[in-house]
Protein backbone atom coordinates (compact mmCIF):
# COMPACT_ATOMS: atom_id res chain seq x y z
CA MET A 1 0.00 0.00 0.00
CA GLY A 2 2.36 2.68 -1.26
CA ASN A 3 5.12 3.80 1.10
CA SER A 4 3.90 2.64 4.51
CA ASP A 5 7.20 2.93 6.37
CA ASP A 6 6.33 6.45 7.51
CA PHE A 7 2.94 5.54 9.02
CA MET A 8 2.11 3.74 12.27
CA ALA A 9 -1.19 1.95 12.94
CA ILE A 10 -2.22 1.28 16.54
CA VAL A 11 -4.94 -1.16 17.63
CA LEU A 12 -6.30 -0.43 21.10
CA GLY A 13 -8.63 -2.94 22.74
CA MET A 14 -8.98 -6.19 24.56
CA GLU A 15 -7.68 -9.53 23.30
CA SER A 16 -10.41 -10.70 20.95
CA MET A 17 -10.91 -12.44 17.63
CA HIS A 18 -11.97 -9.15 16.04
CA ASN A 19 -8.92 -7.20 17.22
CA LEU A 20 -6.53 -9.98 16.27
CA ARG A 21 -8.10 -10.19 12.82
CA LEU A 22 -7.85 -6.42 12.35
CA SER A 23 -4.20 -6.44 13.44
CA GLU A 24 -3.36 -9.21 10.97
CA ILE A 25 -4.92 -7.29 8.08
CA LEU A 26 -3.09 -4.11 9.04
CA ARG A 27 0.23 -5.97 9.28
CA LYS A 28 -0.35 -7.47 5.85
CA ALA A 29 -0.94 -3.98 4.41
CA LEU A 30 1.74 -2.07 6.33
CA GLY A 31 4.32 -4.60 7.51
CA LYS A 32 4.45 -6.01 11.04
CA ASN A 33 6.88 -3.34 12.28
CA ASN A 34 4.36 -0.59 11.51
CA VAL A 35 1.48 -1.98 13.61
CA LEU A 36 1.28 -1.84 17.41
CA ARG A 37 -1.31 -3.43 19.70
CA PHE A 38 -2.25 -2.28 23.19
CA LEU A 39 -4.73 -3.92 25.54
CA GLU A 40 -4.83 -0.98 27.96
CA SER A 41 -5.05 2.71 27.18
CA GLN A 42 -2.41 3.53 29.80
CA HIS A 43 0.20 1.54 27.87
CA LEU A 44 -0.74 3.45 24.71
CA LEU A 45 -0.40 6.79 26.52
CA GLU A 46 3.04 5.78 27.77
CA CYS A 47 4.08 4.99 24.21
CA LEU A 48 2.72 8.29 22.88
CA ALA A 49 4.51 10.19 25.63
CA GLU A 50 7.80 9.08 24.09
CA GLY A 51 6.93 11.24 21.08
CA ILE A 52 5.16 11.01 17.72
CA SER A 53 7.63 11.35 14.86
CA ARG A 54 5.48 10.02 12.02
CA PRO A 55 1.82 9.95 10.97
CA ALA A 56 -0.28 7.64 13.14
CA GLY A 57 -3.80 6.26 13.30
CA ILE A 58 -5.52 4.60 16.25
CA PHE A 59 -8.13 1.88 15.72
CA PHE A 60 -10.11 2.18 18.95
CA ASP A 61 -12.29 -0.78 20.00
CA LEU A 62 -15.13 1.07 21.67
CA SER A 63 -16.49 -2.06 23.35
CA SER A 64 -13.26 -2.70 25.29
CA PHE A 65 -13.79 0.22 27.67
CA SER A 66 -16.62 2.06 29.39
CA PRO A 67 -18.11 5.00 27.46
CA GLU A 68 -16.70 7.40 30.04
CA HIS A 69 -13.20 5.94 29.78
CA SER A 70 -13.36 5.87 25.98
CA THR A 71 -14.34 9.51 25.59
CA GLU A 72 -11.84 10.63 28.22
CA THR A 73 -9.01 8.74 26.47
CA ILE A 74 -9.93 9.96 22.99
CA GLY A 75 -10.32 13.55 24.20
CA TYR A 76 -6.97 13.50 25.98
CA ILE A 77 -5.09 12.05 23.00
CA ARG A 78 -6.74 14.50 20.59
CA ASN A 79 -5.66 17.40 22.82
CA GLN A 80 -2.11 16.23 23.41
CA TYR A 81 -1.42 14.65 20.01
CA PRO A 82 -3.63 16.49 17.48
CA THR A 83 -2.03 14.90 14.42
CA VAL A 84 -3.24 11.40 15.38
CA VAL A 85 -6.29 10.15 13.47
CA PHE A 86 -8.93 7.99 15.14
CA CYS A 87 -11.03 5.16 13.74
CA ILE A 88 -13.81 3.78 15.93
CA TYR A 89 -13.96 -0.02 15.64
CA MET A 90 -17.19 -1.73 16.65
CA SER A 91 -19.99 -4.01 15.50
CA ASN A 92 -23.41 -2.81 14.44
CA GLU A 93 -24.83 -4.29 17.65
CA GLU A 94 -22.22 -2.52 19.78
CA GLU A 95 -23.03 0.76 18.08
CA ASN A 96 -26.71 0.39 18.98
CA ASP A 97 -25.78 -0.49 22.57
CA ILE A 98 -22.94 1.96 23.25
CA TRP A 99 -23.99 5.07 21.32
CA PRO A 100 -26.97 5.91 23.58
CA ARG A 101 -24.75 5.57 26.67
CA LEU A 102 -22.15 8.06 25.48
CA PRO A 103 -22.11 11.49 27.10
CA ALA A 104 -24.60 13.69 25.23
CA ASN A 105 -21.94 16.06 23.89
CA TRP A 106 -20.04 13.11 22.38
CA GLN A 107 -22.78 11.31 20.49
CA ASN A 108 -22.69 13.61 17.49
CA ARG A 109 -18.98 14.26 17.73
CA LEU A 110 -17.97 10.64 17.20
CA ASP A 111 -19.89 10.68 13.93
CA HIS A 112 -16.98 12.72 12.57
CA TYR A 113 -14.41 9.98 13.18
CA TYR A 114 -13.68 7.16 10.79
CA ARG A 115 -15.76 4.11 11.59
CA LEU A 116 -14.94 0.47 10.90
CA PHE A 117 -17.43 -2.30 11.59
CA LYS A 118 -16.48 -5.72 12.94
CA GLU A 119 -17.58 -8.72 10.91
CA SER A 120 -17.91 -12.43 11.56
CA GLU A 121 -15.31 -14.81 10.16
CA ASP A 122 -17.62 -15.83 7.31
CA THR A 123 -17.48 -12.29 5.92
CA GLU A 124 -14.53 -10.76 4.05
CA LEU A 125 -13.08 -7.69 5.80
CA GLU A 126 -9.73 -6.87 4.22
CA PRO A 127 -10.95 -4.57 1.38
CA ILE A 128 -12.92 -2.46 3.88
CA VAL A 129 -9.93 -2.16 6.21
CA ARG A 130 -7.63 -1.21 3.35
CA ARG A 131 -10.01 1.51 2.14
CA THR A 132 -10.36 2.96 5.64
CA LEU A 133 -6.61 2.71 6.19
CA PHE A 134 -5.91 4.57 2.94
CA ALA A 135 -8.10 7.48 4.08
CA ILE A 136 -6.53 7.52 7.55
CA ILE A 137 -2.99 7.54 6.15
CA ARG A 138 -3.87 10.43 3.83
CA GLU A 139 -5.35 12.48 6.66
CA ALA A 140 -2.55 11.66 9.12
CA LYS A 141 0.11 12.68 6.60
CA TYR A 142 -1.78 15.91 5.92
CA ASN A 143 -1.88 16.63 9.66
CA MET A 144 1.89 16.24 9.91
CA THR A 145 2.49 18.89 7.23
CA GLY A 146 0.74 21.75 9.02
CA THR A 147 -1.82 22.70 11.62
CA PRO A 148 -4.54 20.02 11.88
CA ILE A 149 -8.02 21.25 11.01
CA ARG A 150 -10.40 20.91 13.98
CA ILE A 151 -14.16 20.93 13.77
CA THR A 152 -14.72 20.96 17.54
CA ASP A 153 -13.18 23.15 20.19
CA PRO A 154 -9.67 21.97 21.23
CA ASN A 155 -10.78 21.91 24.86
CA ASP A 156 -13.38 19.30 23.98
CA GLY A 157 -10.88 16.90 22.47
CA GLY A 158 -11.09 18.00 18.87
CA VAL A 159 -11.73 16.09 15.68
CA VAL A 160 -9.48 16.28 12.67
CA SER A 161 -11.09 16.77 9.29
CA LEU A 162 -9.50 17.38 5.92
CA PRO A 163 -10.35 20.71 4.29
CA PRO A 164 -12.41 20.51 1.08
CA HIS A 165 -9.47 20.98 -1.26
CA ALA A 166 -7.62 18.08 0.35
CA THR A 167 -10.48 15.60 0.05
CA LYS A 168 -11.19 16.15 -3.62
CA ASN A 169 -11.16 12.80 -5.35
CA PRO A 170 -10.50 12.39 -9.06
CA GLU A 171 -12.99 9.50 -9.12
CA GLN A 172 -16.03 11.64 -8.30
CA LYS A 173 -17.71 10.20 -11.37
CA MET A 174 -18.18 7.02 -9.31
CA LYS A 175 -20.34 8.75 -6.71
CA ASP A 176 -23.57 8.22 -8.68
CA SER A 177 -22.74 4.68 -9.74
CA ILE A 178 -24.59 1.46 -8.93
CA PHE A 179 -22.55 -1.28 -7.24
CA ILE A 180 -23.50 -4.79 -8.40
CA SER A 181 -23.02 -7.42 -5.67
CA TYR A 182 -23.24 -10.97 -6.99
CA SER A 183 -21.79 -14.46 -7.09
CA ARG A 184 -19.60 -15.22 -10.09
CA GLN A 185 -21.47 -18.53 -10.33
CA ASP A 186 -24.43 -16.44 -11.56
CA TRP A 187 -22.50 -14.32 -14.06
CA GLU A 188 -23.32 -16.02 -17.35
CA SER A 189 -26.87 -17.05 -16.51
CA PHE A 190 -28.12 -13.76 -15.06
CA VAL A 191 -25.71 -11.04 -13.96
CA SER A 192 -24.09 -10.36 -17.34
CA PRO A 193 -27.35 -9.87 -19.31
CA PHE A 194 -28.85 -8.02 -16.33
CA THR A 195 -25.91 -5.60 -16.25
CA ASN A 196 -26.14 -5.08 -20.02
CA ARG A 197 -29.76 -4.03 -19.64
CA LEU A 198 -28.74 -1.44 -17.06
CA HIS A 199 -26.07 -0.18 -19.46
CA ASP A 200 -28.67 0.04 -22.24
CA LEU A 201 -30.61 2.49 -20.04
CA ARG A 202 -27.33 4.35 -19.52
CA PHE A 203 -27.22 3.81 -15.77
CA PRO A 204 -23.66 4.06 -14.41
CA VAL A 205 -22.73 0.60 -13.12
CA TRP A 206 -19.67 -0.58 -11.18
CA ILE A 207 -18.87 -4.29 -11.29
CA ASP A 208 -15.70 -6.25 -10.50
CA GLN A 209 -15.84 -8.84 -13.29
CA HIS A 210 -12.51 -7.78 -14.80
CA LEU A 211 -10.61 -8.03 -11.48
CA LEU A 212 -9.02 -11.09 -9.90
CA ILE A 213 -10.79 -11.80 -6.60
CA GLY A 214 -8.46 -11.56 -3.60
CA GLY A 215 -5.66 -9.61 -5.29
CA ASP A 216 -4.50 -6.25 -3.97
CA ASP A 217 -5.97 -4.44 -6.98
CA TRP A 218 -9.33 -6.08 -6.37
CA MET A 219 -9.28 -5.27 -2.65
CA ASP A 220 -8.45 -1.62 -3.21
CA ALA A 221 -10.97 -1.27 -6.05
CA ILE A 222 -13.75 -2.95 -4.06
CA GLY A 223 -13.08 -0.80 -1.01
CA GLU A 224 -13.16 2.39 -3.04
CA ALA A 225 -16.31 1.39 -4.93
CA LEU A 226 -18.21 0.44 -1.77
CA ASP A 227 -17.27 3.77 -0.26
CA MET A 228 -18.20 5.89 -3.25
CA CYS A 229 -21.09 4.15 -5.04
CA LYS A 230 -24.49 5.55 -4.21
CA MET A 231 -26.57 2.39 -4.56
CA LEU A 232 -26.08 -1.36 -4.32
CA LEU A 233 -28.04 -3.99 -6.23
CA LEU A 234 -27.71 -7.33 -4.46
CA ILE A 235 -28.28 -10.30 -6.77
CA MET A 236 -29.61 -12.91 -4.33
CA SER A 237 -29.11 -16.59 -4.99
CA PRO A 238 -27.98 -19.50 -2.77
CA ASP A 239 -24.41 -19.09 -4.04
CA ALA A 240 -24.42 -15.33 -3.48
CA LEU A 241 -25.69 -15.47 0.08
CA GLU A 242 -22.99 -18.02 0.96
CA SER A 243 -20.19 -15.82 -0.43
CA LYS A 244 -18.04 -14.04 2.14
CA TYR A 245 -17.40 -11.30 -0.43
CA VAL A 246 -21.11 -10.69 -1.09
CA LYS A 247 -21.72 -10.61 2.67
CA MET A 248 -18.99 -7.98 3.02
CA GLU A 249 -20.59 -5.84 0.31
CA TYR A 250 -24.19 -5.76 1.45
CA ARG A 251 -23.20 -5.49 5.12
CA TYR A 252 -21.04 -2.48 4.31
CA PHE A 253 -24.05 -0.74 2.77
CA PHE A 254 -26.26 -1.85 5.66
CA ASN A 255 -23.81 -0.67 8.34
CA HIS A 256 -23.36 2.70 6.65
CA ASP A 257 -27.08 3.28 5.98
CA LYS A 258 -26.57 3.37 2.23
CA PHE A 259 -29.36 2.52 -0.20
CA MET A 260 -29.61 -0.98 -1.62
CA ILE A 261 -32.15 -3.07 -3.49
CA PRO A 262 -32.19 -6.87 -3.13
CA ILE A 263 -32.82 -8.67 -6.43
CA LEU A 264 -34.07 -12.23 -6.03
CA TYR A 265 -32.61 -14.26 -8.89
CA LYS A 266 -32.99 -17.75 -7.41
CA ALA A 267 -35.08 -18.83 -4.44
CA VAL A 268 -33.15 -18.94 -1.16
CA LYS A 269 -33.95 -20.86 2.02
CA ARG A 270 -33.38 -17.90 4.31
CA ILE A 271 -32.93 -14.19 3.80
CA PRO A 272 -30.23 -12.68 6.06
CA PRO A 273 -31.51 -10.63 9.03
CA GLU A 274 -30.07 -7.40 7.60
CA LEU A 275 -32.23 -7.84 4.51
CA ALA A 276 -35.35 -9.33 6.06
CA THR A 277 -37.24 -6.04 6.33
CA MET A 278 -36.29 -4.82 2.86
CA GLN A 279 -38.62 -5.17 -0.09
CA TYR A 280 -36.90 -7.16 -2.82
CA ILE A 281 -37.69 -7.35 -6.51
CA ASP A 282 -38.45 -10.89 -7.57
CA PHE A 283 -36.88 -12.01 -10.86
CA SER A 284 -37.26 -15.70 -9.97
CA THR A 285 -41.00 -16.14 -10.61
CA ARG A 286 -42.34 -12.87 -12.02
CA ASN A 287 -42.41 -11.64 -15.56
CA ASP A 288 -38.85 -10.52 -16.21
CA SER A 289 -39.78 -7.37 -18.13
CA LYS A 290 -42.20 -6.23 -15.45
CA ALA A 291 -39.64 -6.81 -12.69
CA PHE A 292 -36.95 -4.93 -14.60
CA SER A 293 -39.32 -2.03 -15.31
CA GLU A 294 -40.07 -1.77 -11.58
CA LEU A 295 -36.36 -1.76 -10.79
CA ALA A 296 -35.56 0.87 -13.43
CA ASN A 297 -38.24 3.20 -12.08
CA ILE A 298 -36.76 2.99 -8.58
CA ILE A 299 -33.24 3.62 -9.86
CA LYS A 300 -34.37 6.67 -11.83
CA THR A 301 -35.52 8.35 -8.61
CA ARG A 302 -32.00 8.12 -7.17
CA ILE A 303 -29.45 7.74 -9.98
CA PRO A 304 -29.33 10.00 -13.06
CA SER A 305 -28.75 8.19 -16.33
CA ARG A 306 -25.76 9.30 -18.37
CA PRO A 307 -26.21 11.30 -21.56
CA GLY A 308 -26.38 9.29 -24.76
């Protein structure tokens, strides 16, 4: 991941499967000498007291400490070491449990930090971590070049945010694109002709068919697309719902409250809990043209078609 020797990633939290998994992914991306783990915040503070000579990011497991301790630690570090960038690491369930128990003046403030969601072992995580890490490295390096930009008062702990000119992304054209989440087992029989029909209506579509699954290029491209695409179409089939990559994709959209439409291609025994309350469009038993017309009408309300 570029030149990582001048960046340090720190994982703070109890010994757990999730924190070990995160540390392994970070070491793979950065090299083992550029990743530190601390079980206790006091040990981290002792390390920081020795001095920060390079950009750093802290992946803070919010469930490892009480809300009071977490906010006190984050506030202190942000005051004393303003160039450090924070990423809150938690599960969707932990967010629902911990967020209401945070001090009132912190609930909105933590929305400004990077956020990374824990996933079960049957769900791919590496592309999401790499995308988040890329953004953290960029911000941390920016902070080391000048005065960090704060969007809260320094006395309240502060939050670093890149100024508009620093966050401009040359891939803005992707922001209105539709992410297609699917199993490659369904490519020839359904996904390829389905995607062609979307192209015929000039909807901007992002799909990973030309990338080798699991390679660094694929991981970085997937992470960027999930972050930037406005909508996800989930092609549901038994193969798709068993795929750890498909699970990663729709759970990313679910965790980040982004819009998605489930497309039922083949009947499945059980719809995942995250999708159970969503209305899906059934291509498995209905008239195909009618189902596609319904889908296109929904897309048109959210995604502009490209000029001919």
